[in-house]
Amino acid sequence: MVNTKNTSVRTNSNVIIALCTKGLAFAKHYSRQANHVVIGACRNAKDARELRQEGCLVIEVDVSSDESCDKRLCEQLRELQIEHVDLLINNAGVGMYDDLTTDNLTQNALLQFNVNALGPLRVTKALLPFLRKSPVQAKVVNLSSKMGSLANNLSGRYYGYRASKAAENMISLSLSRDLGKDNIACLLINPGLIKTQMNGHSGDMDAEEAVEMMVGIIEAGRVEDGTKFINRDGNVLDW
């Protein structure tokens, strides 16, 4: 475990921020590595018992709120004496089933767009000063979904979720262009249908196994890889 009370250790360590839900598996992986400070960001810190059990620091952030991201997120990092961020994993999200018979179809779509597409943009923008101070090549990882691929939409439905993930993909591509000027890599990864609380653990792979695959992609990731939509197995998906 990382000694999160030691300022010198914190200063000299790799600082990783993971936004839950899938962030729990990422947090578990990185917290068990030497010389890492892992920060789990979630809407309700009181519910983050598992993160704390892994030795992670916990902060609160609402990715749908400009004020939470622009102000409170950075304030909490400074309170923890965090001076830089080396790896940011944007994976907070919301998914809703809908079709043309769904009530509140567009309102639900706006909610998903606000969280899934604008959330990663808010958090990345807010943390840019910390990413720029990284002593190594900082990386931003945006977890998307193959359901955001125009080429792979063969069944329709899921209007809000598909549209929000397609928007996230475009935002991530723009981020990769802009962050690349600061030598910050921005990777877009499809984790696949992972067993999480969000889907009632009905996925095709355990979160820990999927994270192991994605960690390899992250470690090998370069600035130029930001122009790709990468599947968890390393293959490139169609936009």
C-alpha atoms as a PDB file:
ATOM      1  CA  MET A   1       0.000   0.000   0.000  1.00  0.00           C
ATOM      2  CA  VAL A   2       1.071   3.596  -0.576  1.00  0.00           C
ATOM      3  CA  ASN A   3       1.824   5.660   2.497  1.00  0.00           C
ATOM      4  CA  THR A   4      -0.569   8.489   1.706  1.00  0.00           C
ATOM      5  CA  LYS A   5       0.371  10.403   4.849  1.00  0.00           C
ATOM      6  CA  ASN A   6       3.952  10.987   3.763  1.00  0.00           C
ATOM      7  CA  THR A   7       4.246  14.159   1.701  1.00  0.00           C
ATOM      8  CA  SER A   8       7.636  13.217   0.194  1.00  0.00           C
ATOM      9  CA  VAL A   9       6.286   9.874  -0.965  1.00  0.00           C
ATOM     10  CA  ARG A  10       3.261  11.596  -2.446  1.00  0.00           C
ATOM     11  CA  THR A  11       5.413  14.159  -4.252  1.00  0.00           C
ATOM     12  CA  ASN A  12       7.725  11.559  -5.777  1.00  0.00           C
ATOM     13  CA  SER A  13       5.056   9.017  -6.647  1.00  0.00           C
ATOM     14  CA  ASN A  14       2.961   8.495  -9.739  1.00  0.00           C
ATOM     15  CA  VAL A  15      -0.392  10.115  -9.052  1.00  0.00           C
ATOM     16  CA  ILE A  16      -3.399   8.408 -10.600  1.00  0.00           C
ATOM     17  CA  ILE A  17      -6.995   9.591 -10.511  1.00  0.00           C
ATOM     18  CA  ALA A  18      -9.747   7.134 -11.401  1.00  0.00           C
ATOM     19  CA  LEU A  19     -13.400   8.082 -11.543  1.00  0.00           C
ATOM     20  CA  CYS A  20     -15.652   5.204 -10.502  1.00  0.00           C
ATOM     21  CA  THR A  21     -17.573   2.888 -11.464  1.00  0.00           C
ATOM     22  CA  LYS A  22     -15.041   0.865 -13.438  1.00  0.00           C
ATOM     23  CA  GLY A  23     -12.561   3.068 -11.647  1.00  0.00           C
ATOM     24  CA  LEU A  24     -12.738   0.743  -8.663  1.00  0.00           C
ATOM     25  CA  ALA A  25     -10.991  -2.026 -10.593  1.00  0.00           C
ATOM     26  CA  PHE A  26      -8.419   0.446 -11.917  1.00  0.00           C
ATOM     27  CA  ALA A  27      -7.874   1.790  -8.416  1.00  0.00           C
ATOM     28  CA  LYS A  28      -7.342  -1.719  -7.068  1.00  0.00           C
ATOM     29  CA  HIS A  29      -4.792  -2.491  -9.772  1.00  0.00           C
ATOM     30  CA  TYR A  30      -2.722   0.646  -9.390  1.00  0.00           C
ATOM     31  CA  SER A  31      -2.905   0.828  -5.596  1.00  0.00           C
ATOM     32  CA  ARG A  32      -1.157  -2.540  -5.449  1.00  0.00           C
ATOM     33  CA  GLN A  33       1.776  -1.251  -7.497  1.00  0.00           C
ATOM     34  CA  ALA A  34       4.818   0.259  -5.803  1.00  0.00           C
ATOM     35  CA  ASN A  35       5.254   4.016  -5.619  1.00  0.00           C
ATOM     36  CA  HIS A  36       1.728   4.940  -6.681  1.00  0.00           C
ATOM     37  CA  VAL A  37      -0.718   7.333  -5.099  1.00  0.00           C
ATOM     38  CA  VAL A  38      -4.222   6.462  -6.273  1.00  0.00           C
ATOM     39  CA  ILE A  39      -7.147   8.820  -5.866  1.00  0.00           C
ATOM     40  CA  GLY A  40     -10.671   7.568  -6.309  1.00  0.00           C
ATOM     41  CA  ALA A  41     -13.119  10.300  -7.290  1.00  0.00           C
ATOM     42  CA  CYS A  42     -16.819   9.693  -6.774  1.00  0.00           C
ATOM     43  CA  ARG A  43     -20.038  11.567  -6.099  1.00  0.00           C
ATOM     44  CA  ASN A  44     -20.381  10.339  -2.534  1.00  0.00           C
ATOM     45  CA  ALA A  45     -17.178   9.735  -0.599  1.00  0.00           C
ATOM     46  CA  LYS A  46     -19.123   8.097   2.230  1.00  0.00           C
ATOM     47  CA  ASP A  47     -19.898   5.149  -0.064  1.00  0.00           C
ATOM     48  CA  ALA A  48     -16.259   4.600  -1.069  1.00  0.00           C
ATOM     49  CA  ARG A  49     -15.433   1.997   1.561  1.00  0.00           C
ATOM     50  CA  GLU A  50     -13.779  -0.379  -0.937  1.00  0.00           C
ATOM     51  CA  LEU A  51     -11.523   2.362  -2.263  1.00  0.00           C
ATOM     52  CA  ARG A  52     -10.301   3.164   1.223  1.00  0.00           C
ATOM     53  CA  GLN A  53      -9.727  -0.515   1.950  1.00  0.00           C
ATOM     54  CA  GLU A  54      -7.342  -0.542  -1.016  1.00  0.00           C
ATOM     55  CA  GLY A  55      -5.359   2.337   0.476  1.00  0.00           C
ATOM     56  CA  CYS A  56      -6.717   4.931  -1.951  1.00  0.00           C
ATOM     57  CA  LEU A  57      -7.387   8.541  -1.219  1.00  0.00           C
ATOM     58  CA  VAL A  58     -10.993   9.511  -1.863  1.00  0.00           C
ATOM     59  CA  ILE A  59     -12.366  12.814  -3.099  1.00  0.00           C
ATOM     60  CA  GLU A  60     -15.832  13.890  -4.165  1.00  0.00           C
ATOM     61  CA  VAL A  61     -16.645  15.202  -7.620  1.00  0.00           C
ATOM     62  CA  ASP A  62     -19.804  15.497  -9.670  1.00  0.00           C
ATOM     63  CA  VAL A  63     -18.728  15.295 -13.299  1.00  0.00           C
ATOM     64  CA  SER A  64     -22.042  16.844 -14.389  1.00  0.00           C
ATOM     65  CA  SER A  65     -21.279  20.057 -12.488  1.00  0.00           C
ATOM     66  CA  ASP A  66     -19.000  22.831 -13.729  1.00  0.00           C
ATOM     67  CA  GLU A  67     -18.518  24.150 -10.202  1.00  0.00           C
ATOM     68  CA  SER A  68     -17.638  20.732  -8.772  1.00  0.00           C
ATOM     69  CA  CYS A  69     -15.003  20.124 -11.443  1.00  0.00           C
ATOM     70  CA  ASP A  70     -13.600  23.639 -11.844  1.00  0.00           C
ATOM     71  CA  LYS A  71     -13.423  24.502  -8.161  1.00  0.00           C
ATOM     72  CA  ARG A  72     -13.973  21.748  -5.607  1.00  0.00           C
ATOM     73  CA  LEU A  73     -12.006  19.051  -7.450  1.00  0.00           C
ATOM     74  CA  CYS A  74      -8.838  21.129  -7.562  1.00  0.00           C
ATOM     75  CA  GLU A  75      -9.335  22.400  -4.018  1.00  0.00           C
ATOM     76  CA  GLN A  76      -9.435  18.841  -2.696  1.00  0.00           C
ATOM     77  CA  LEU A  77      -6.221  17.917  -4.508  1.00  0.00           C
ATOM     78  CA  ARG A  78      -4.444  20.917  -3.018  1.00  0.00           C
ATOM     79  CA  GLU A  79      -5.762  19.992   0.422  1.00  0.00           C
ATOM     80  CA  LEU A  80      -4.144  16.583  -0.091  1.00  0.00           C
ATOM     81  CA  GLN A  81      -0.906  18.328  -1.159  1.00  0.00           C
ATOM     82  CA  ILE A  82      -1.162  16.813  -4.623  1.00  0.00           C
ATOM     83  CA  GLU A  83       0.946  18.878  -7.002  1.00  0.00           C
ATOM     84  CA  HIS A  84       0.697  16.871 -10.207  1.00  0.00           C
ATOM     85  CA  VAL A  85      -1.348  14.150 -11.893  1.00  0.00           C
ATOM     86  CA  ASP A  86       0.310  11.541 -14.093  1.00  0.00           C
ATOM     87  CA  LEU A  87      -2.695   9.482 -15.159  1.00  0.00           C
ATOM     88  CA  LEU A  88      -6.337  10.502 -15.323  1.00  0.00           C
ATOM     89  CA  ILE A  89      -8.933   7.825 -16.055  1.00  0.00           C
ATOM     90  CA  ASN A  90     -12.302   9.276 -17.031  1.00  0.00           C
ATOM     91  CA  ASN A  91     -14.834   6.488 -16.657  1.00  0.00           C
ATOM     92  CA  ALA A  92     -17.776   7.906 -14.722  1.00  0.00           C
ATOM     93  CA  GLY A  93     -20.906   7.298 -16.761  1.00  0.00           C
ATOM     94  CA  VAL A  94     -24.625   6.677 -16.881  1.00  0.00           C
ATOM     95  CA  GLY A  95     -26.552   4.390 -19.215  1.00  0.00           C
ATOM     96  CA  MET A  96     -30.284   4.226 -19.889  1.00  0.00           C
ATOM     97  CA  TYR A  97     -32.295   1.984 -22.177  1.00  0.00           C
ATOM     98  CA  ASP A  98     -34.657   3.865 -24.467  1.00  0.00           C
ATOM     99  CA  ASP A  99     -36.503   3.608 -27.754  1.00  0.00           C
ATOM    100  CA  LEU A 100     -39.147   5.632 -29.571  1.00  0.00           C
ATOM    101  CA  THR A 101     -41.772   4.667 -26.991  1.00  0.00           C
ATOM    102  CA  THR A 102     -39.769   6.012 -24.043  1.00  0.00           C
ATOM    103  CA  ASP A 103     -41.200   8.887 -22.033  1.00  0.00           C
ATOM    104  CA  ASN A 104     -38.786  11.760 -21.406  1.00  0.00           C
ATOM    105  CA  LEU A 105     -36.597  10.483 -24.236  1.00  0.00           C
ATOM    106  CA  THR A 106     -34.815  13.752 -24.906  1.00  0.00           C
ATOM    107  CA  GLN A 107     -34.489  14.699 -21.231  1.00  0.00           C
ATOM    108  CA  ASN A 108     -32.794  11.365 -20.554  1.00  0.00           C
ATOM    109  CA  ALA A 109     -30.546  11.933 -23.541  1.00  0.00           C
ATOM    110  CA  LEU A 110     -29.479  15.325 -22.190  1.00  0.00           C
ATOM    111  CA  LEU A 111     -28.630  13.777 -18.817  1.00  0.00           C
ATOM    112  CA  GLN A 112     -26.471  11.099 -20.431  1.00  0.00           C
ATOM    113  CA  PHE A 113     -24.817  13.638 -22.715  1.00  0.00           C
ATOM    114  CA  ASN A 114     -23.984  15.853 -19.741  1.00  0.00           C
ATOM    115  CA  VAL A 115     -22.313  13.016 -17.825  1.00  0.00           C
ATOM    116  CA  ASN A 116     -20.850  10.791 -20.535  1.00  0.00           C
ATOM    117  CA  ALA A 117     -19.637  13.391 -23.023  1.00  0.00           C
ATOM    118  CA  LEU A 118     -19.136  16.626 -21.097  1.00  0.00           C
ATOM    119  CA  GLY A 119     -17.960  14.927 -17.886  1.00  0.00           C
ATOM    120  CA  PRO A 120     -14.560  13.880 -19.275  1.00  0.00           C
ATOM    121  CA  LEU A 121     -14.155  17.321 -20.836  1.00  0.00           C
ATOM    122  CA  ARG A 122     -14.902  19.096 -17.548  1.00  0.00           C
ATOM    123  CA  VAL A 123     -12.546  16.938 -15.498  1.00  0.00           C
ATOM    124  CA  THR A 124      -9.693  17.024 -18.014  1.00  0.00           C
ATOM    125  CA  LYS A 125      -9.909  20.797 -18.397  1.00  0.00           C
ATOM    126  CA  ALA A 126      -9.942  21.284 -14.632  1.00  0.00           C
ATOM    127  CA  LEU A 127      -6.929  19.019 -14.096  1.00  0.00           C
ATOM    128  CA  LEU A 128      -4.863  20.337 -16.993  1.00  0.00           C
ATOM    129  CA  PRO A 129      -2.558  22.394 -14.721  1.00  0.00           C
ATOM    130  CA  PHE A 130      -1.829  19.233 -12.690  1.00  0.00           C
ATOM    131  CA  LEU A 131      -1.254  17.131 -15.809  1.00  0.00           C
ATOM    132  CA  ARG A 132       1.176  19.689 -17.197  1.00  0.00           C
ATOM    133  CA  LYS A 133       3.258  19.422 -14.015  1.00  0.00           C
ATOM    134  CA  SER A 134       3.718  15.655 -14.335  1.00  0.00           C
ATOM    135  CA  PRO A 135       7.425  14.674 -14.207  1.00  0.00           C
ATOM    136  CA  VAL A 136       6.634  11.885 -16.682  1.00  0.00           C
ATOM    137  CA  GLN A 137       4.465  11.869 -19.792  1.00  0.00           C
ATOM    138  CA  ALA A 138       0.985  12.463 -18.440  1.00  0.00           C
ATOM    139  CA  LYS A 139      -1.887  10.466 -19.891  1.00  0.00           C
ATOM    140  CA  VAL A 140      -5.636  10.934 -20.022  1.00  0.00           C
ATOM    141  CA  VAL A 141      -7.745   7.837 -20.616  1.00  0.00           C
ATOM    142  CA  ASN A 142     -11.360   8.202 -21.704  1.00  0.00           C
ATOM    143  CA  LEU A 143     -13.419   5.038 -21.450  1.00  0.00           C
ATOM    144  CA  SER A 144     -16.115   4.997 -24.108  1.00  0.00           C
ATOM    145  CA  SER A 145     -18.286   2.284 -25.656  1.00  0.00           C
ATOM    146  CA  LYS A 146     -18.602   0.546 -28.993  1.00  0.00           C
ATOM    147  CA  MET A 147     -22.214   1.739 -28.841  1.00  0.00           C
ATOM    148  CA  GLY A 148     -20.803   5.162 -29.673  1.00  0.00           C
ATOM    149  CA  SER A 149     -19.492   3.887 -33.000  1.00  0.00           C
ATOM    150  CA  LEU A 150     -21.606   4.958 -35.976  1.00  0.00           C
ATOM    151  CA  ALA A 151     -20.330   2.016 -37.996  1.00  0.00           C
ATOM    152  CA  ASN A 152     -21.368  -0.482 -35.317  1.00  0.00           C
ATOM    153  CA  ASN A 153     -24.923   0.731 -34.785  1.00  0.00           C
ATOM    154  CA  LEU A 154     -26.843  -2.208 -36.230  1.00  0.00           C
ATOM    155  CA  SER A 155     -29.795  -2.322 -33.859  1.00  0.00           C
ATOM    156  CA  GLY A 156     -30.915   1.249 -33.157  1.00  0.00           C
ATOM    157  CA  ARG A 157     -32.484   2.220 -29.810  1.00  0.00           C
ATOM    158  CA  TYR A 158     -30.397   3.556 -26.888  1.00  0.00           C
ATOM    159  CA  TYR A 159     -30.616   7.028 -28.400  1.00  0.00           C
ATOM    160  CA  GLY A 160     -29.203   8.976 -25.496  1.00  0.00           C
ATOM    161  CA  TYR A 161     -26.428   6.542 -24.625  1.00  0.00           C
ATOM    162  CA  ARG A 162     -25.263   6.044 -28.214  1.00  0.00           C
ATOM    163  CA  ALA A 163     -25.296   9.769 -28.932  1.00  0.00           C
ATOM    164  CA  SER A 164     -23.488  10.652 -25.705  1.00  0.00           C
ATOM    165  CA  LYS A 165     -20.740   8.126 -26.381  1.00  0.00           C
ATOM    166  CA  ALA A 166     -20.358   9.276 -29.991  1.00  0.00           C
ATOM    167  CA  ALA A 167     -19.973  12.811 -28.633  1.00  0.00           C
ATOM    168  CA  GLU A 168     -17.439  11.606 -26.078  1.00  0.00           C
ATOM    169  CA  ASN A 169     -15.437  10.029 -28.879  1.00  0.00           C
ATOM    170  CA  MET A 170     -15.318  13.322 -30.776  1.00  0.00           C
ATOM    171  CA  ILE A 171     -14.410  15.247 -27.640  1.00  0.00           C
ATOM    172  CA  SER A 172     -11.631  12.763 -26.881  1.00  0.00           C
ATOM    173  CA  LEU A 173     -10.250  13.147 -30.402  1.00  0.00           C
ATOM    174  CA  SER A 174     -10.206  16.930 -30.011  1.00  0.00           C
ATOM    175  CA  LEU A 175      -8.544  16.567 -26.609  1.00  0.00           C
ATOM    176  CA  SER A 176      -5.858  14.353 -28.128  1.00  0.00           C
ATOM    177  CA  ARG A 177      -5.048  17.071 -30.680  1.00  0.00           C
ATOM    178  CA  ASP A 178      -4.892  19.836 -28.075  1.00  0.00           C
ATOM    179  CA  LEU A 179      -3.213  17.917 -25.239  1.00  0.00           C
ATOM    180  CA  GLY A 180      -0.635  16.538 -27.642  1.00  0.00           C
ATOM    181  CA  LYS A 181       0.819  20.042 -27.901  1.00  0.00           C
ATOM    182  CA  ASP A 182       1.837  19.615 -24.241  1.00  0.00           C
ATOM    183  CA  ASN A 183       3.038  16.043 -24.859  1.00  0.00           C
ATOM    184  CA  ILE A 184       0.054  14.689 -22.933  1.00  0.00           C
ATOM    185  CA  ALA A 185      -1.366  11.491 -24.426  1.00  0.00           C
ATOM    186  CA  CYS A 186      -5.145  11.159 -24.582  1.00  0.00           C
ATOM    187  CA  LEU A 187      -6.360   7.613 -25.204  1.00  0.00           C
ATOM    188  CA  LEU A 188      -9.879   6.489 -26.102  1.00  0.00           C
ATOM    189  CA  ILE A 189     -10.629   2.907 -25.055  1.00  0.00           C
ATOM    190  CA  ASN A 190     -13.673   0.662 -25.323  1.00  0.00           C
ATOM    191  CA  PRO A 191     -13.689  -1.549 -22.208  1.00  0.00           C
ATOM    192  CA  GLY A 192     -16.443  -3.790 -23.548  1.00  0.00           C
ATOM    193  CA  LEU A 193     -19.318  -5.161 -21.509  1.00  0.00           C
ATOM    194  CA  ILE A 194     -17.643  -5.514 -18.130  1.00  0.00           C
ATOM    195  CA  LYS A 195     -19.417  -6.970 -15.114  1.00  0.00           C
ATOM    196  CA  THR A 196     -20.163  -3.937 -12.944  1.00  0.00           C
ATOM    197  CA  GLN A 197     -22.921  -2.610 -10.723  1.00  0.00           C
ATOM    198  CA  MET A 198     -24.052  -0.425 -13.636  1.00  0.00           C
ATOM    199  CA  ASN A 199     -25.202  -3.469 -15.662  1.00  0.00           C
ATOM    200  CA  GLY A 200     -26.104  -5.759 -12.794  1.00  0.00           C
ATOM    201  CA  HIS A 201     -22.869  -7.739 -13.286  1.00  0.00           C
ATOM    202  CA  SER A 202     -24.183  -9.101 -16.594  1.00  0.00           C
ATOM    203  CA  GLY A 203     -21.074  -8.415 -18.661  1.00  0.00           C
ATOM    204  CA  ASP A 204     -18.867 -10.872 -20.506  1.00  0.00           C
ATOM    205  CA  MET A 205     -15.689 -10.283 -18.461  1.00  0.00           C
ATOM    206  CA  ASP A 206     -14.755  -9.506 -14.881  1.00  0.00           C
ATOM    207  CA  ALA A 207     -13.604  -5.937 -14.318  1.00  0.00           C
ATOM    208  CA  GLU A 208     -10.200  -7.027 -13.003  1.00  0.00           C
ATOM    209  CA  GLU A 209      -9.444  -9.076 -16.131  1.00  0.00           C
ATOM    210  CA  ALA A 210     -10.530  -6.264 -18.454  1.00  0.00           C
ATOM    211  CA  VAL A 211      -8.461  -3.741 -16.527  1.00  0.00           C
ATOM    212  CA  GLU A 212      -5.351  -5.893 -16.899  1.00  0.00           C
ATOM    213  CA  MET A 213      -5.845  -5.749 -20.671  1.00  0.00           C
ATOM    214  CA  MET A 214      -6.432  -2.011 -20.706  1.00  0.00           C
ATOM    215  CA  VAL A 215      -3.459  -1.258 -18.462  1.00  0.00           C
ATOM    216  CA  GLY A 216      -1.214  -2.694 -21.170  1.00  0.00           C
ATOM    217  CA  ILE A 217      -2.757  -0.318 -23.706  1.00  0.00           C
ATOM    218  CA  ILE A 218      -2.341   2.615 -21.344  1.00  0.00           C
ATOM    219  CA  GLU A 219       1.294   1.864 -20.562  1.00  0.00           C
ATOM    220  CA  ALA A 220       2.165   1.580 -24.252  1.00  0.00           C
ATOM    221  CA  GLY A 221       0.028   4.552 -25.257  1.00  0.00           C
ATOM    222  CA  ARG A 222       1.590   7.459 -27.120  1.00  0.00           C
ATOM    223  CA  VAL A 223       0.344  10.892 -28.157  1.00  0.00           C
ATOM    224  CA  GLU A 224      -0.319   9.679 -31.702  1.00  0.00           C
ATOM    225  CA  ASP A 225      -2.561   6.876 -30.434  1.00  0.00           C
ATOM    226  CA  GLY A 226      -5.162   9.481 -29.521  1.00  0.00           C
ATOM    227  CA  THR A 227      -6.414   9.425 -33.101  1.00  0.00           C
ATOM    228  CA  LYS A 228      -7.634   5.825 -32.636  1.00  0.00           C
ATOM    229  CA  PHE A 229     -10.679   4.249 -31.001  1.00  0.00           C
ATOM    230  CA  ILE A 230      -9.045   1.283 -29.281  1.00  0.00           C
ATOM    231  CA  ASN A 231     -10.799  -1.874 -28.119  1.00  0.00           C
ATOM    232  CA  ARG A 232      -9.720  -3.476 -24.828  1.00  0.00           C
ATOM    233  CA  ASP A 233      -7.922  -6.210 -26.816  1.00  0.00           C
ATOM    234  CA  GLY A 234      -5.812  -3.613 -28.593  1.00  0.00           C
ATOM    235  CA  ASN A 235      -7.641  -3.734 -31.917  1.00  0.00           C
ATOM    236  CA  VAL A 236      -8.791  -0.470 -33.492  1.00  0.00           C
ATOM    237  CA  LEU A 237     -12.535   0.064 -33.808  1.00  0.00           C
ATOM    238  CA  ASP A 238     -14.384   1.948 -36.527  1.00  0.00           C
ATOM    239  CA  TRP A 239     -15.611   5.391 -35.646  1.00  0.00           C
END
